[in-house]
N, C-alpha and C. Protein backbone atom coordinates (compact mmCIF):
# COMPACT_ATOMS: atom_id res chain seq x y z
N MET A 1 0.84 -1.18 -0.01
CA MET A 1 0.07 -0.05 -0.07
C MET A 1 0.93 1.26 0.00
N SER A 2 0.64 2.20 -0.82
CA SER A 2 1.37 3.41 -0.85
C SER A 2 1.09 4.37 0.23
N LEU A 3 2.03 5.24 0.27
CA LEU A 3 1.86 6.31 1.40
C LEU A 3 0.70 7.10 1.09
N ASN A 4 0.49 7.51 -0.13
CA ASN A 4 -0.61 8.29 -0.52
C ASN A 4 -1.93 7.52 -0.21
N ALA A 5 -2.14 6.16 -0.43
CA ALA A 5 -3.23 5.51 -0.05
C ALA A 5 -3.49 5.51 1.34
N ILE A 6 -2.61 5.50 2.20
CA ILE A 6 -2.71 5.45 3.68
C ILE A 6 -3.07 6.75 4.13
N ARG A 7 -2.48 7.94 3.59
CA ARG A 7 -2.92 9.23 3.89
C ARG A 7 -4.29 9.48 3.53
N THR A 8 -4.74 8.97 2.39
CA THR A 8 -6.21 9.15 1.91
C THR A 8 -7.09 8.51 2.96
N GLY A 9 -6.75 7.23 3.21
CA GLY A 9 -7.59 6.44 4.13
C GLY A 9 -7.67 7.14 5.62
N LEU A 10 -6.54 7.74 5.95
CA LEU A 10 -6.53 8.37 7.26
C LEU A 10 -7.45 9.55 7.27
N ALA A 11 -7.31 10.33 6.04
CA ALA A 11 -8.10 11.57 5.95
C ALA A 11 -9.67 11.32 6.04
N LEU A 12 -10.00 10.22 5.18
CA LEU A 12 -11.42 9.78 5.09
C LEU A 12 -11.96 9.48 6.52
N LEU A 13 -11.13 8.67 7.43
CA LEU A 13 -11.40 8.23 8.77
C LEU A 13 -11.74 9.51 9.51
N ALA A 14 -10.71 10.48 9.48
CA ALA A 14 -10.96 11.69 10.08
C ALA A 14 -12.15 12.45 9.75
N CYS A 15 -12.46 12.38 8.46
CA CYS A 15 -13.67 13.13 7.97
C CYS A 15 -14.92 12.36 8.58
N CYS A 16 -14.88 11.16 8.59
CA CYS A 16 -15.98 10.49 9.15
C CYS A 16 -16.26 10.74 10.60
N ALA A 17 -14.98 10.78 11.40
CA ALA A 17 -15.21 11.03 12.68
C ALA A 17 -15.62 12.40 12.95
N ALA A 18 -15.12 13.36 12.09
CA ALA A 18 -15.75 14.81 12.20
C ALA A 18 -17.15 14.99 11.98
N LEU A 19 -17.67 14.06 11.02
CA LEU A 19 -19.08 14.09 10.72
C LEU A 19 -19.93 13.51 11.80
N GLY A 20 -19.36 12.65 12.62
CA GLY A 20 -19.94 12.14 13.79
C GLY A 20 -20.65 10.69 13.26
N ALA A 21 -20.33 10.36 12.09
CA ALA A 21 -20.79 8.96 11.60
C ALA A 21 -19.85 7.93 11.95
N PRO A 22 -20.31 6.61 12.27
CA PRO A 22 -19.38 5.60 12.58
C PRO A 22 -18.61 5.25 11.23
N ALA A 23 -17.34 5.19 11.20
CA ALA A 23 -16.46 4.96 10.00
C ALA A 23 -16.96 3.82 9.25
N ALA A 24 -17.12 2.68 9.87
CA ALA A 24 -17.47 1.49 9.20
C ALA A 24 -18.84 1.73 8.33
N SER A 25 -19.76 2.32 9.12
CA SER A 25 -21.11 2.56 8.47
C SER A 25 -20.94 3.60 7.30
N PHE A 26 -20.17 4.52 7.50
CA PHE A 26 -19.96 5.64 6.48
C PHE A 26 -19.28 5.00 5.18
N PHE A 27 -18.45 4.12 5.35
CA PHE A 27 -17.66 3.53 4.27
C PHE A 27 -18.71 2.55 3.57
N GLU A 28 -19.47 1.93 4.41
CA GLU A 28 -20.44 0.86 3.89
C GLU A 28 -21.67 1.54 3.19
N PHE A 29 -21.83 2.81 3.67
CA PHE A 29 -22.95 3.52 3.09
C PHE A 29 -23.01 3.38 1.49
N GLY A 30 -21.92 3.70 0.87
CA GLY A 30 -21.75 3.80 -0.52
C GLY A 30 -22.00 2.38 -1.14
N VAL A 31 -21.59 1.36 -0.47
CA VAL A 31 -21.85 -0.05 -0.85
C VAL A 31 -23.32 -0.23 -0.89
N TRP A 32 -24.02 0.21 0.22
CA TRP A 32 -25.48 -0.11 0.31
C TRP A 32 -26.27 0.68 -0.77
N MET A 33 -25.69 1.80 -1.09
CA MET A 33 -26.48 2.65 -2.06
C MET A 33 -26.27 1.89 -3.52
N ARG A 34 -25.15 1.52 -3.70
CA ARG A 34 -24.94 0.83 -5.15
C ARG A 34 -25.82 -0.50 -5.09
N ALA A 35 -25.82 -1.21 -3.93
CA ALA A 35 -26.68 -2.45 -4.04
C ALA A 35 -28.03 -2.18 -4.10
N LEU A 36 -28.50 -1.14 -3.37
CA LEU A 36 -29.87 -0.74 -3.48
C LEU A 36 -30.42 -0.42 -4.82
N ASP A 37 -29.57 0.41 -5.47
CA ASP A 37 -29.85 0.68 -6.90
C ASP A 37 -29.79 -0.53 -7.75
N GLN A 38 -28.80 -1.41 -7.62
CA GLN A 38 -28.93 -2.74 -8.46
C GLN A 38 -30.01 -3.42 -8.14
N HIS A 39 -30.44 -3.85 -6.95
CA HIS A 39 -31.53 -4.68 -6.66
C HIS A 39 -32.94 -3.90 -7.03
N SER A 40 -32.91 -2.59 -6.87
CA SER A 40 -34.11 -1.90 -7.38
C SER A 40 -34.40 -2.14 -8.91
N VAL A 41 -33.37 -2.05 -9.69
CA VAL A 41 -33.52 -2.29 -11.11
C VAL A 41 -33.88 -3.68 -11.27
N GLU A 42 -33.16 -4.67 -10.58
CA GLU A 42 -33.39 -6.04 -11.02
C GLU A 42 -34.70 -6.40 -10.38
N VAL A 43 -35.18 -6.08 -9.27
CA VAL A 43 -36.59 -6.37 -8.91
C VAL A 43 -37.55 -5.86 -9.98
N GLN A 44 -37.48 -4.81 -10.61
CA GLN A 44 -38.34 -4.35 -11.62
C GLN A 44 -38.26 -5.15 -12.95
N ARG A 45 -37.04 -5.57 -13.15
CA ARG A 45 -36.85 -6.38 -14.34
C ARG A 45 -37.35 -7.85 -14.12
N SER A 46 -37.26 -8.25 -13.04
CA SER A 46 -37.89 -9.67 -12.58
C SER A 46 -39.36 -9.61 -12.66
N LEU A 47 -39.89 -8.38 -12.12
CA LEU A 47 -41.38 -8.35 -12.15
C LEU A 47 -41.88 -8.29 -13.64
N GLY A 48 -41.14 -7.58 -14.47
CA GLY A 48 -41.49 -7.51 -15.92
C GLY A 48 -41.49 -8.84 -16.64
N ARG A 49 -40.62 -9.75 -16.15
CA ARG A 49 -40.54 -11.14 -16.68
C ARG A 49 -41.51 -12.00 -16.01
N ARG A 50 -42.19 -11.42 -14.92
CA ARG A 50 -43.17 -12.32 -14.02
C ARG A 50 -42.27 -13.41 -13.40
N ASP A 51 -41.13 -13.09 -13.14
CA ASP A 51 -40.23 -14.11 -12.31
C ASP A 51 -40.34 -13.82 -10.84
N ALA A 52 -41.41 -14.33 -10.23
CA ALA A 52 -41.69 -13.97 -8.76
C ALA A 52 -40.55 -14.41 -7.90
N GLU A 53 -39.86 -15.47 -8.05
CA GLU A 53 -38.86 -15.84 -7.14
C GLU A 53 -37.65 -14.95 -7.19
N ALA A 54 -37.28 -14.56 -8.49
CA ALA A 54 -36.16 -13.62 -8.44
C ALA A 54 -36.54 -12.24 -7.82
N ALA A 55 -37.83 -11.78 -8.21
CA ALA A 55 -38.20 -10.58 -7.58
C ALA A 55 -38.30 -10.63 -6.16
N ARG A 56 -38.76 -11.68 -5.66
CA ARG A 56 -38.89 -11.90 -4.07
C ARG A 56 -37.36 -11.83 -3.46
N GLY A 57 -36.48 -12.42 -4.12
CA GLY A 57 -35.16 -12.23 -3.58
C GLY A 57 -34.57 -10.85 -3.63
N HIS A 58 -34.71 -10.11 -4.53
CA HIS A 58 -34.31 -8.78 -4.73
C HIS A 58 -35.11 -7.92 -3.73
N ALA A 59 -36.34 -8.17 -3.69
CA ALA A 59 -37.16 -7.47 -2.57
C ALA A 59 -36.60 -7.72 -1.10
N ARG A 60 -36.26 -9.01 -0.92
CA ARG A 60 -35.75 -9.15 0.42
C ARG A 60 -34.46 -8.56 0.75
N ARG A 61 -33.63 -8.53 -0.32
CA ARG A 61 -32.30 -7.77 -0.12
C ARG A 61 -32.52 -6.27 0.02
N ILE A 62 -33.43 -5.69 -0.66
CA ILE A 62 -33.76 -4.22 -0.53
C ILE A 62 -34.29 -4.03 0.93
N GLU A 63 -35.08 -4.94 1.38
CA GLU A 63 -35.61 -4.70 2.85
C GLU A 63 -34.39 -4.90 3.69
N GLN A 64 -33.50 -5.82 3.56
CA GLN A 64 -32.36 -5.79 4.52
C GLN A 64 -31.51 -4.53 4.40
N LEU A 65 -31.23 -4.01 3.17
CA LEU A 65 -30.54 -2.70 3.06
C LEU A 65 -31.14 -1.62 3.65
N TYR A 66 -32.43 -1.56 3.56
CA TYR A 66 -33.14 -0.43 4.15
C TYR A 66 -33.15 -0.49 5.71
N ALA A 67 -33.18 -1.70 6.14
CA ALA A 67 -32.98 -1.98 7.51
C ALA A 67 -31.53 -1.51 8.14
N GLN A 68 -30.58 -1.65 7.30
CA GLN A 68 -29.18 -1.11 7.60
C GLN A 68 -29.20 0.42 7.50
N LEU A 69 -29.91 0.96 6.50
CA LEU A 69 -29.90 2.38 6.48
C LEU A 69 -30.69 3.07 7.65
N GLU A 70 -31.75 2.20 7.99
CA GLU A 70 -32.53 2.73 9.24
C GLU A 70 -31.65 2.84 10.39
N VAL A 71 -30.77 1.89 10.67
CA VAL A 71 -29.78 1.89 11.88
C VAL A 71 -28.79 3.07 11.70
N PHE A 72 -28.30 3.20 10.38
CA PHE A 72 -27.35 4.27 9.97
C PHE A 72 -28.05 5.67 10.51
N TYR A 73 -29.17 5.98 9.85
CA TYR A 73 -29.65 7.20 10.08
C TYR A 73 -30.29 7.34 11.50
N ALA A 74 -30.64 6.36 12.19
CA ALA A 74 -31.04 6.47 13.54
C ALA A 74 -29.87 6.85 14.39
N GLN A 75 -28.65 6.25 14.14
CA GLN A 75 -27.44 6.67 14.87
C GLN A 75 -26.90 8.00 14.52
N ASP A 76 -27.23 8.42 13.25
CA ASP A 76 -26.83 9.73 12.75
C ASP A 76 -27.52 10.81 13.56
N GLY A 77 -28.84 10.58 13.68
CA GLY A 77 -29.69 11.48 14.33
C GLY A 77 -29.96 12.81 13.85
N ARG A 78 -29.37 13.20 12.66
CA ARG A 78 -29.54 14.60 12.11
C ARG A 78 -30.41 14.65 11.00
N THR A 79 -31.03 13.43 10.56
CA THR A 79 -31.89 13.31 9.35
C THR A 79 -33.02 12.54 9.68
N PRO A 80 -34.11 13.04 10.25
CA PRO A 80 -35.27 12.24 10.69
C PRO A 80 -36.01 12.03 9.31
N ASP A 81 -36.09 12.79 8.40
CA ASP A 81 -36.73 12.43 7.18
C ASP A 81 -36.08 11.26 6.46
N ALA A 82 -34.69 11.13 6.35
CA ALA A 82 -34.07 10.09 5.84
C ALA A 82 -34.26 8.78 6.53
N LEU A 83 -34.44 8.94 7.89
CA LEU A 83 -34.85 7.73 8.63
C LEU A 83 -36.14 7.33 8.34
N GLU A 84 -37.06 8.14 8.09
CA GLU A 84 -38.59 7.79 7.81
C GLU A 84 -38.60 7.19 6.43
N ILE A 85 -37.80 7.70 5.40
CA ILE A 85 -37.69 7.11 4.09
C ILE A 85 -37.12 5.71 4.20
N SER A 86 -36.26 5.50 5.04
CA SER A 86 -35.58 4.14 5.23
C SER A 86 -36.65 3.14 5.81
N ARG A 87 -37.42 3.69 6.75
CA ARG A 87 -38.46 2.83 7.34
C ARG A 87 -39.50 2.45 6.20
N ASP A 88 -39.87 3.49 5.47
CA ASP A 88 -40.85 3.24 4.53
C ASP A 88 -40.54 2.39 3.38
N GLY A 89 -39.23 2.59 2.93
CA GLY A 89 -38.61 1.68 1.92
C GLY A 89 -38.60 0.18 2.40
N LYS A 90 -38.17 -0.07 3.71
CA LYS A 90 -38.14 -1.39 4.39
C LYS A 90 -39.60 -1.92 4.21
N ALA A 91 -40.56 -1.17 4.53
CA ALA A 91 -41.97 -1.67 4.51
C ALA A 91 -42.47 -1.92 3.14
N LEU A 92 -42.31 -1.11 2.14
CA LEU A 92 -42.52 -1.28 0.75
C LEU A 92 -41.86 -2.62 0.31
N ALA A 93 -40.58 -2.77 0.52
CA ALA A 93 -39.97 -4.06 0.06
C ALA A 93 -40.49 -5.19 0.80
N ALA A 94 -40.83 -5.11 2.02
CA ALA A 94 -41.34 -6.36 2.61
C ALA A 94 -42.75 -6.61 2.24
N GLY A 95 -43.52 -5.67 1.69
CA GLY A 95 -44.80 -5.91 1.05
C GLY A 95 -44.77 -6.54 -0.27
N ILE A 96 -43.73 -6.56 -0.97
CA ILE A 96 -43.66 -7.14 -2.27
C ILE A 96 -43.97 -8.63 -2.24
N GLY A 97 -43.35 -9.37 -1.37
CA GLY A 97 -43.50 -10.78 -1.12
C GLY A 97 -45.08 -11.16 -1.20
N PRO A 98 -45.75 -10.64 -0.19
CA PRO A 98 -47.17 -10.98 0.03
C PRO A 98 -47.93 -10.59 -1.32
N LEU A 99 -47.55 -9.60 -1.98
CA LEU A 99 -48.24 -9.23 -3.39
C LEU A 99 -48.00 -10.43 -4.29
N LEU A 100 -46.90 -10.84 -4.33
CA LEU A 100 -46.30 -11.96 -5.29
C LEU A 100 -47.05 -13.24 -4.86
N ASP A 101 -47.24 -13.42 -3.61
CA ASP A 101 -48.03 -14.58 -3.10
C ASP A 101 -49.46 -14.66 -3.72
N ARG A 102 -50.09 -13.50 -3.92
CA ARG A 102 -51.37 -13.37 -4.50
C ARG A 102 -51.26 -13.15 -6.01
N GLN A 103 -50.04 -13.25 -6.58
CA GLN A 103 -49.69 -12.98 -8.02
C GLN A 103 -50.23 -11.78 -8.58
N ASP A 104 -50.16 -10.71 -7.65
CA ASP A 104 -50.60 -9.31 -8.07
C ASP A 104 -49.24 -8.57 -8.63
N PHE A 105 -48.90 -8.93 -9.72
CA PHE A 105 -47.57 -8.45 -10.28
C PHE A 105 -47.75 -6.93 -10.39
N GLN A 106 -48.90 -6.34 -10.87
CA GLN A 106 -49.05 -4.92 -10.97
C GLN A 106 -49.02 -4.23 -9.70
N ALA A 107 -49.39 -4.71 -8.56
CA ALA A 107 -49.18 -4.00 -7.30
C ALA A 107 -47.73 -4.13 -6.76
N ALA A 108 -47.15 -5.16 -7.15
CA ALA A 108 -45.73 -5.45 -6.69
C ALA A 108 -44.81 -4.49 -7.61
N THR A 109 -45.25 -4.37 -8.86
CA THR A 109 -44.47 -3.49 -9.73
C THR A 109 -44.66 -1.99 -9.20
N ASP A 110 -45.89 -1.63 -8.86
CA ASP A 110 -46.07 -0.23 -8.34
C ASP A 110 -45.29 0.02 -7.12
N ALA A 111 -45.21 -1.05 -6.21
CA ALA A 111 -44.33 -0.99 -4.99
C ALA A 111 -42.93 -0.85 -5.28
N ALA A 112 -42.43 -1.53 -6.32
CA ALA A 112 -41.00 -1.37 -6.71
C ALA A 112 -40.88 0.00 -7.34
N VAL A 113 -41.54 0.47 -8.12
CA VAL A 113 -41.41 1.83 -8.69
C VAL A 113 -41.36 2.86 -7.58
N ARG A 114 -42.22 2.88 -6.56
CA ARG A 114 -42.26 3.75 -5.42
C ARG A 114 -40.89 3.60 -4.57
N LEU A 115 -40.28 2.43 -4.61
CA LEU A 115 -39.02 2.22 -3.84
C LEU A 115 -37.99 3.00 -4.79
N ALA A 116 -38.00 2.90 -5.99
CA ALA A 116 -37.05 3.64 -6.88
C ALA A 116 -37.19 5.07 -6.70
N ARG A 117 -38.39 5.60 -6.58
CA ARG A 117 -38.65 7.04 -6.38
C ARG A 117 -38.26 7.50 -4.98
N ALA A 118 -38.39 6.62 -3.99
CA ALA A 118 -37.95 7.09 -2.65
C ALA A 118 -36.36 7.22 -2.72
N CYS A 119 -35.66 6.37 -3.49
CA CYS A 119 -34.17 6.62 -3.49
C CYS A 119 -33.90 8.15 -4.00
N ASN A 120 -34.59 8.47 -5.15
CA ASN A 120 -34.37 9.85 -5.65
C ASN A 120 -34.69 10.93 -4.57
N ASP A 121 -35.91 10.70 -3.92
CA ASP A 121 -36.34 11.73 -2.93
C ASP A 121 -35.30 11.88 -1.85
N CYS A 122 -34.72 10.90 -1.35
CA CYS A 122 -33.83 10.94 -0.26
C CYS A 122 -32.44 11.50 -0.80
N HIS A 123 -31.99 11.11 -2.05
CA HIS A 123 -30.80 11.62 -2.58
C HIS A 123 -30.80 13.14 -2.91
N ASP A 124 -32.03 13.70 -3.16
CA ASP A 124 -32.02 15.19 -3.41
C ASP A 124 -31.63 15.91 -2.24
N ASN A 125 -31.86 15.42 -0.93
CA ASN A 125 -31.43 16.13 0.30
C ASN A 125 -30.24 15.50 1.00
N HIS A 126 -30.00 14.23 0.87
CA HIS A 126 -29.15 13.55 1.87
C HIS A 126 -27.92 12.91 1.23
N LYS A 127 -27.73 12.92 -0.11
CA LYS A 127 -26.52 12.18 -0.62
C LYS A 127 -25.35 12.76 0.11
N PRO A 128 -24.57 11.78 0.75
CA PRO A 128 -23.55 12.30 1.51
C PRO A 128 -22.30 13.03 0.77
N LEU A 129 -21.95 12.49 -0.27
CA LEU A 129 -20.80 13.08 -1.00
C LEU A 129 -21.33 13.45 -2.42
N ARG A 130 -21.12 14.70 -2.73
CA ARG A 130 -21.67 15.26 -4.03
C ARG A 130 -20.40 15.73 -4.88
């Protein structure tokens, strides 16, 4: 590892500490966002193909990711609206499975689209690095 890489890592850790965010969660945050984006796209594609099992798996992963975001924003304490968006996203994702059990692909698709829109709503105000 180069000296510049070490310096950059230390600077990022200092930045995270200054922001009051747990360093591991702050670094994981970007990973979670990319995973949410990927699963959001994939759940919609799966629903379009009427592949209930794949859609169910992506929805479960979205639910797990929103649960992690819920903890992140609860610990952060400065963004109650982002915390609420995380809770709502978790509930929307959890609701997709029961819709698929009833084979209501349209309602499941509507929920998946609302999930994607929630990402944009939160990003408008809370994207940590711009």
